[in-house]
Amino acid sequence: MSDDTIWEQIQVDAADFEALTTEGGAELSELVRSLQEVEEKLSKVEKNLETLKSVRNKHRYDLIPNKMAEMNIDKVQVNGSEVTLRTLASGTMPKDPIAKENALAHLREIGAGDFIKNDVVVSFGVTQDNYAKSLAADLADQGYETLSKTWVEPMTLKKIIKDRVEANQEIDLELFNGQLLTMANLKGNKNG
């Protein structure tokens, strides 16, 4: 590469910086500081909300029910609000497959098997659309109620939109409520 070619390259690269100004840099710095402040405030509000919910739950599920039980009452009026006690149930199916099978067997044993739901799902690849339609039709002919779901994964759709717009290829953005956005992603020290 000759000295003349290097000089031309340097001149071209220097032109890329014409839009940079002291004022623009100061404005950008202020915008970044503003985003940092908002992120910090949001973090504090989220922590406060979590604390408030914990305090509310302590009152709702522990302190007030215990005090009312101690007083042998199940209804009270305070400051225009009526407080009553009611019994709630909560539970989840075990995630462990063996424990889950045991839980299902237990439900069947106690006569609650009718509440167990079953979904049978068969996945088909992109090129197997006709097979999927055929199987759904066969199952329906045999008296089974079928539910067919055809979709594009959200991340796949976003990639298709991005790739096609950037390549100036056809895509109906309105049909997908699609758009490309530019986002400022703040990383690193959030405390200034």
C-alpha atoms as a PDB file:
ATOM      1  CA  MET A   1       0.000   0.000   0.000  1.00  0.00           C
ATOM      2  CA  SER A   2       1.469   3.364  -0.996  1.00  0.00           C
ATOM      3  CA  ASP A   3       1.635   6.459   1.190  1.00  0.00           C
ATOM      4  CA  ASP A   4      -0.933   8.130  -1.110  1.00  0.00           C
ATOM      5  CA  THR A   5      -3.452   5.295  -0.554  1.00  0.00           C
ATOM      6  CA  ILE A   6      -2.994   5.459   3.213  1.00  0.00           C
ATOM      7  CA  TRP A   7      -3.470   9.254   3.135  1.00  0.00           C
ATOM      8  CA  GLU A   8      -6.729   8.879   1.131  1.00  0.00           C
ATOM      9  CA  GLN A   9      -7.957   6.306   3.654  1.00  0.00           C
ATOM     10  CA  ILE A  10      -7.168   8.630   6.547  1.00  0.00           C
ATOM     11  CA  GLN A  11      -9.036  11.483   4.843  1.00  0.00           C
ATOM     12  CA  VAL A  12     -12.089   9.272   4.265  1.00  0.00           C
ATOM     13  CA  ASP A  13     -12.057   8.102   7.891  1.00  0.00           C
ATOM     14  CA  ALA A  14     -11.743  11.688   9.143  1.00  0.00           C
ATOM     15  CA  ALA A  15     -14.920  12.613   7.265  1.00  0.00           C
ATOM     16  CA  ASP A  16     -16.805  10.124   9.405  1.00  0.00           C
ATOM     17  CA  PHE A  17     -16.169  12.347  12.446  1.00  0.00           C
ATOM     18  CA  GLU A  18     -17.591  15.589  11.032  1.00  0.00           C
ATOM     19  CA  ALA A  19     -20.890  15.060  12.871  1.00  0.00           C
ATOM     20  CA  LEU A  20     -19.111  14.894  16.225  1.00  0.00           C
ATOM     21  CA  THR A  21     -19.252  18.150  18.149  1.00  0.00           C
ATOM     22  CA  THR A  22     -18.518  19.207  21.695  1.00  0.00           C
ATOM     23  CA  GLU A  23     -22.185  20.142  22.125  1.00  0.00           C
ATOM     24  CA  GLY A  24     -23.357  16.795  20.768  1.00  0.00           C
ATOM     25  CA  GLY A  25     -20.990  14.934  23.087  1.00  0.00           C
ATOM     26  CA  ALA A  26     -22.231  16.960  26.070  1.00  0.00           C
ATOM     27  CA  GLU A  27     -25.863  16.247  25.151  1.00  0.00           C
ATOM     28  CA  LEU A  28     -25.125  12.539  24.782  1.00  0.00           C
ATOM     29  CA  SER A  29     -23.355  12.469  28.153  1.00  0.00           C
ATOM     30  CA  GLU A  30     -26.348  14.171  29.774  1.00  0.00           C
ATOM     31  CA  LEU A  31     -28.753  11.667  28.194  1.00  0.00           C
ATOM     32  CA  VAL A  32     -26.652   8.744  29.462  1.00  0.00           C
ATOM     33  CA  ARG A  33     -26.525  10.265  32.982  1.00  0.00           C
ATOM     34  CA  SER A  34     -30.292  10.749  32.853  1.00  0.00           C
ATOM     35  CA  LEU A  35     -30.776   7.082  31.889  1.00  0.00           C
ATOM     36  CA  GLN A  36     -28.490   6.046  34.753  1.00  0.00           C
ATOM     37  CA  GLU A  37     -30.585   8.074  37.224  1.00  0.00           C
ATOM     38  CA  VAL A  38     -33.838   6.571  35.926  1.00  0.00           C
ATOM     39  CA  GLU A  39     -32.388   3.036  36.164  1.00  0.00           C
ATOM     40  CA  GLU A  40     -31.258   3.702  39.756  1.00  0.00           C
ATOM     41  CA  LYS A  41     -34.651   5.150  40.771  1.00  0.00           C
ATOM     42  CA  LEU A  42     -36.478   2.253  39.111  1.00  0.00           C
ATOM     43  CA  SER A  43     -34.323  -0.258  40.984  1.00  0.00           C
ATOM     44  CA  LYS A  44     -35.143   1.443  44.305  1.00  0.00           C
ATOM     45  CA  VAL A  45     -38.877   1.554  43.541  1.00  0.00           C
ATOM     46  CA  GLU A  46     -38.867  -2.151  42.611  1.00  0.00           C
ATOM     47  CA  LYS A  47     -37.095  -3.023  45.887  1.00  0.00           C
ATOM     48  CA  ASN A  48     -39.581  -0.880  47.846  1.00  0.00           C
ATOM     49  CA  LEU A  49     -42.502  -2.575  46.085  1.00  0.00           C
ATOM     50  CA  GLU A  50     -41.113  -6.003  46.953  1.00  0.00           C
ATOM     51  CA  THR A  51     -40.730  -4.954  50.599  1.00  0.00           C
ATOM     52  CA  LEU A  52     -44.261  -3.536  50.726  1.00  0.00           C
ATOM     53  CA  LYS A  53     -45.724  -6.730  49.258  1.00  0.00           C
ATOM     54  CA  SER A  54     -43.860  -8.767  51.854  1.00  0.00           C
ATOM     55  CA  VAL A  55     -45.213  -6.579  54.684  1.00  0.00           C
ATOM     56  CA  ARG A  56     -48.730  -6.800  53.225  1.00  0.00           C
ATOM     57  CA  ASN A  57     -48.518 -10.579  53.052  1.00  0.00           C
ATOM     58  CA  LYS A  58     -47.225 -10.787  56.629  1.00  0.00           C
ATOM     59  CA  HIS A  59     -50.304  -8.838  57.757  1.00  0.00           C
ATOM     60  CA  ARG A  60     -52.708 -10.650  55.426  1.00  0.00           C
ATOM     61  CA  TYR A  61     -51.624 -14.230  56.090  1.00  0.00           C
ATOM     62  CA  ASP A  62     -50.066 -14.119  59.553  1.00  0.00           C
ATOM     63  CA  LEU A  63     -50.524 -11.173  61.913  1.00  0.00           C
ATOM     64  CA  ILE A  64     -54.222 -10.350  61.367  1.00  0.00           C
ATOM     65  CA  PRO A  65     -55.486 -13.967  61.104  1.00  0.00           C
ATOM     66  CA  ASN A  66     -53.535 -14.921  64.236  1.00  0.00           C
ATOM     67  CA  LYS A  67     -54.870 -11.939  66.197  1.00  0.00           C
ATOM     68  CA  MET A  68     -58.447 -12.614  65.057  1.00  0.00           C
ATOM     69  CA  ALA A  69     -58.093 -16.299  66.000  1.00  0.00           C
ATOM     70  CA  GLU A  70     -56.713 -15.270  69.368  1.00  0.00           C
ATOM     71  CA  MET A  71     -59.771 -13.032  69.841  1.00  0.00           C
ATOM     72  CA  ASN A  72     -62.056 -15.832  68.536  1.00  0.00           C
ATOM     73  CA  ILE A  73     -63.589 -13.662  65.793  1.00  0.00           C
ATOM     74  CA  ASP A  74     -63.840 -14.199  62.045  1.00  0.00           C
ATOM     75  CA  LYS A  75     -65.148 -10.764  61.021  1.00  0.00           C
ATOM     76  CA  VAL A  76     -64.324  -7.220  62.119  1.00  0.00           C
ATOM     77  CA  GLN A  77     -64.910  -3.637  60.936  1.00  0.00           C
ATOM     78  CA  VAL A  78     -62.002  -1.192  61.221  1.00  0.00           C
ATOM     79  CA  ASN A  79     -61.927   2.338  59.764  1.00  0.00           C
ATOM     80  CA  GLY A  80     -64.785   1.520  57.401  1.00  0.00           C
ATOM     81  CA  SER A  81     -63.162  -1.665  56.142  1.00  0.00           C
ATOM     82  CA  GLU A  82     -64.538  -5.106  56.791  1.00  0.00           C
ATOM     83  CA  VAL A  83     -62.034  -7.853  57.457  1.00  0.00           C
ATOM     84  CA  THR A  84     -63.172 -11.457  57.224  1.00  0.00           C
ATOM     85  CA  LEU A  85     -61.218 -14.671  57.406  1.00  0.00           C
ATOM     86  CA  ARG A  86     -61.482 -17.261  54.684  1.00  0.00           C
ATOM     87  CA  THR A  87     -59.645 -20.435  53.992  1.00  0.00           C
ATOM     88  CA  LEU A  88     -57.520 -20.622  50.873  1.00  0.00           C
ATOM     89  CA  ALA A  89     -55.805 -23.643  49.418  1.00  0.00           C
ATOM     90  CA  SER A  90     -52.585 -23.634  47.464  1.00  0.00           C
ATOM     91  CA  GLY A  91     -50.550 -26.379  45.934  1.00  0.00           C
ATOM     92  CA  THR A  92     -48.475 -27.274  42.932  1.00  0.00           C
ATOM     93  CA  MET A  93     -47.740 -30.471  41.137  1.00  0.00           C
ATOM     94  CA  PRO A  94     -44.221 -31.745  41.785  1.00  0.00           C
ATOM     95  CA  LYS A  95     -41.665 -30.997  39.082  1.00  0.00           C
ATOM     96  CA  ASP A  96     -39.729 -34.209  39.658  1.00  0.00           C
ATOM     97  CA  PRO A  97     -41.148 -36.792  37.178  1.00  0.00           C
ATOM     98  CA  ILE A  98     -41.337 -39.639  39.710  1.00  0.00           C
ATOM     99  CA  ALA A  99     -42.952 -37.453  42.369  1.00  0.00           C
ATOM    100  CA  LYS A 100     -45.364 -36.140  39.727  1.00  0.00           C
ATOM    101  CA  GLU A 101     -46.386 -39.683  38.736  1.00  0.00           C
ATOM    102  CA  ASN A 102     -46.931 -40.498  42.411  1.00  0.00           C
ATOM    103  CA  ALA A 103     -49.084 -37.391  42.832  1.00  0.00           C
ATOM    104  CA  LEU A 104     -51.169 -38.325  39.778  1.00  0.00           C
ATOM    105  CA  ALA A 105     -51.568 -41.902  41.060  1.00  0.00           C
ATOM    106  CA  HIS A 106     -52.712 -40.512  44.389  1.00  0.00           C
ATOM    107  CA  LEU A 107     -55.351 -38.330  42.720  1.00  0.00           C
ATOM    108  CA  ARG A 108     -56.621 -41.361  40.814  1.00  0.00           C
ATOM    109  CA  GLU A 109     -56.702 -43.437  44.017  1.00  0.00           C
ATOM    110  CA  ILE A 110     -58.764 -40.853  45.888  1.00  0.00           C
ATOM    111  CA  GLY A 111     -61.292 -40.568  43.075  1.00  0.00           C
ATOM    112  CA  ALA A 112     -60.019 -37.266  41.690  1.00  0.00           C
ATOM    113  CA  GLY A 113     -58.658 -38.746  38.463  1.00  0.00           C
ATOM    114  CA  ASP A 114     -61.321 -36.981  36.417  1.00  0.00           C
ATOM    115  CA  PHE A 115     -59.562 -33.703  37.149  1.00  0.00           C
ATOM    116  CA  ILE A 116     -56.352 -34.815  35.445  1.00  0.00           C
ATOM    117  CA  LYS A 117     -55.897 -33.293  32.000  1.00  0.00           C
ATOM    118  CA  ASN A 118     -53.955 -34.879  29.187  1.00  0.00           C
ATOM    119  CA  ASP A 119     -52.528 -33.200  26.125  1.00  0.00           C
ATOM    120  CA  VAL A 120     -50.873 -35.241  23.447  1.00  0.00           C
ATOM    121  CA  VAL A 121     -48.614 -33.075  21.340  1.00  0.00           C
ATOM    122  CA  VAL A 122     -46.870 -34.045  18.146  1.00  0.00           C
ATOM    123  CA  SER A 123     -44.397 -31.567  16.698  1.00  0.00           C
ATOM    124  CA  PHE A 124     -43.845 -31.252  12.982  1.00  0.00           C
ATOM    125  CA  GLY A 125     -41.017 -29.482  11.247  1.00  0.00           C
ATOM    126  CA  VAL A 126     -41.387 -26.672   8.756  1.00  0.00           C
ATOM    127  CA  THR A 127     -41.442 -29.014   5.757  1.00  0.00           C
ATOM    128  CA  GLN A 128     -44.046 -31.361   7.313  1.00  0.00           C
ATOM    129  CA  ASP A 129     -47.095 -29.096   7.153  1.00  0.00           C
ATOM    130  CA  ASN A 130     -49.063 -31.582   4.999  1.00  0.00           C
ATOM    131  CA  TYR A 131     -48.337 -34.465   7.420  1.00  0.00           C
ATOM    132  CA  ALA A 132     -49.641 -32.386  10.322  1.00  0.00           C
ATOM    133  CA  LYS A 133     -52.867 -31.537   8.506  1.00  0.00           C
ATOM    134  CA  SER A 134     -53.349 -35.167   7.494  1.00  0.00           C
ATOM    135  CA  LEU A 135     -52.849 -36.487  11.038  1.00  0.00           C
ATOM    136  CA  ALA A 136     -55.257 -33.895  12.472  1.00  0.00           C
ATOM    137  CA  ALA A 137     -57.878 -34.918   9.884  1.00  0.00           C
ATOM    138  CA  ASP A 138     -57.356 -38.651  10.642  1.00  0.00           C
ATOM    139  CA  LEU A 139     -57.749 -38.095  14.395  1.00  0.00           C
ATOM    140  CA  ALA A 140     -60.894 -36.016  13.844  1.00  0.00           C
ATOM    141  CA  ASP A 141     -62.327 -38.798  11.643  1.00  0.00           C
ATOM    142  CA  GLN A 142     -61.736 -41.230  14.537  1.00  0.00           C
ATOM    143  CA  GLY A 143     -63.768 -39.009  16.866  1.00  0.00           C
ATOM    144  CA  TYR A 144     -60.924 -37.264  18.674  1.00  0.00           C
ATOM    145  CA  GLU A 145     -61.218 -33.572  19.261  1.00  0.00           C
ATOM    146  CA  THR A 146     -58.050 -32.087  17.878  1.00  0.00           C
ATOM    147  CA  LEU A 147     -56.469 -28.752  18.371  1.00  0.00           C
ATOM    148  CA  SER A 148     -54.062 -27.674  15.722  1.00  0.00           C
ATOM    149  CA  LYS A 149     -51.710 -24.804  16.371  1.00  0.00           C
ATOM    150  CA  THR A 150     -49.666 -23.225  13.634  1.00  0.00           C
ATOM    151  CA  TRP A 151     -47.269 -20.473  14.605  1.00  0.00           C
ATOM    152  CA  VAL A 152     -43.903 -18.825  14.146  1.00  0.00           C
ATOM    153  CA  GLU A 153     -41.793 -18.427  17.256  1.00  0.00           C
ATOM    154  CA  PRO A 154     -41.639 -14.750  18.317  1.00  0.00           C
ATOM    155  CA  MET A 155     -37.846 -14.561  18.106  1.00  0.00           C
ATOM    156  CA  THR A 156     -37.897 -16.168  14.660  1.00  0.00           C
ATOM    157  CA  LEU A 157     -40.440 -13.614  13.430  1.00  0.00           C
ATOM    158  CA  LYS A 158     -38.320 -10.752  14.794  1.00  0.00           C
ATOM    159  CA  LYS A 159     -35.266 -12.124  12.971  1.00  0.00           C
ATOM    160  CA  ILE A 160     -37.210 -12.491   9.715  1.00  0.00           C
ATOM    161  CA  ILE A 161     -38.444  -8.888   9.963  1.00  0.00           C
ATOM    162  CA  LYS A 162     -34.987  -7.534  10.817  1.00  0.00           C
ATOM    163  CA  ASP A 163     -33.206  -9.496   8.093  1.00  0.00           C
ATOM    164  CA  ARG A 164     -35.733  -8.616   5.386  1.00  0.00           C
ATOM    165  CA  VAL A 165     -35.898  -4.905   6.221  1.00  0.00           C
ATOM    166  CA  GLU A 166     -32.096  -4.632   6.383  1.00  0.00           C
ATOM    167  CA  ALA A 167     -31.803  -6.462   3.039  1.00  0.00           C
ATOM    168  CA  ASN A 168     -34.546  -4.276   1.481  1.00  0.00           C
ATOM    169  CA  GLN A 169     -36.644  -7.395   0.820  1.00  0.00           C
ATOM    170  CA  GLU A 170     -40.433  -7.476   0.845  1.00  0.00           C
ATOM    171  CA  ILE A 171     -42.247  -7.860   4.148  1.00  0.00           C
ATOM    172  CA  ASP A 172     -45.570  -6.395   5.272  1.00  0.00           C
ATOM    173  CA  LEU A 173     -44.595  -4.653   8.505  1.00  0.00           C
ATOM    174  CA  GLU A 174     -48.174  -3.505   9.118  1.00  0.00           C
ATOM    175  CA  LEU A 175     -49.429  -7.087   8.975  1.00  0.00           C
ATOM    176  CA  PHE A 176     -47.046  -8.057  11.784  1.00  0.00           C
ATOM    177  CA  ASN A 177     -47.209  -4.713  13.596  1.00  0.00           C
ATOM    178  CA  GLY A 178     -43.489  -4.756  12.853  1.00  0.00           C
ATOM    179  CA  GLN A 179     -40.843  -2.114  13.158  1.00  0.00           C
ATOM    180  CA  LEU A 180     -37.146  -1.753  13.761  1.00  0.00           C
ATOM    181  CA  LEU A 181     -36.179   0.230  16.840  1.00  0.00           C
ATOM    182  CA  THR A 182     -32.903   1.538  18.145  1.00  0.00           C
ATOM    183  CA  MET A 183     -32.351   1.057  21.850  1.00  0.00           C
ATOM    184  CA  ALA A 184     -29.699   2.522  24.134  1.00  0.00           C
ATOM    185  CA  ASN A 185     -28.477  -0.387  26.251  1.00  0.00           C
ATOM    186  CA  LEU A 186     -26.676   0.802  29.377  1.00  0.00           C
ATOM    187  CA  LYS A 187     -24.019  -1.503  30.761  1.00  0.00           C
ATOM    188  CA  GLY A 188     -21.389  -1.122  33.419  1.00  0.00           C
ATOM    189  CA  ASN A 189     -21.346   1.294  36.340  1.00  0.00           C
ATOM    190  CA  LYS A 190     -24.906   2.443  37.000  1.00  0.00           C
ATOM    191  CA  ASN A 191     -23.973   4.599  39.992  1.00  0.00           C
ATOM    192  CA  GLY A 192     -22.301   7.346  37.953  1.00  0.00           C
END
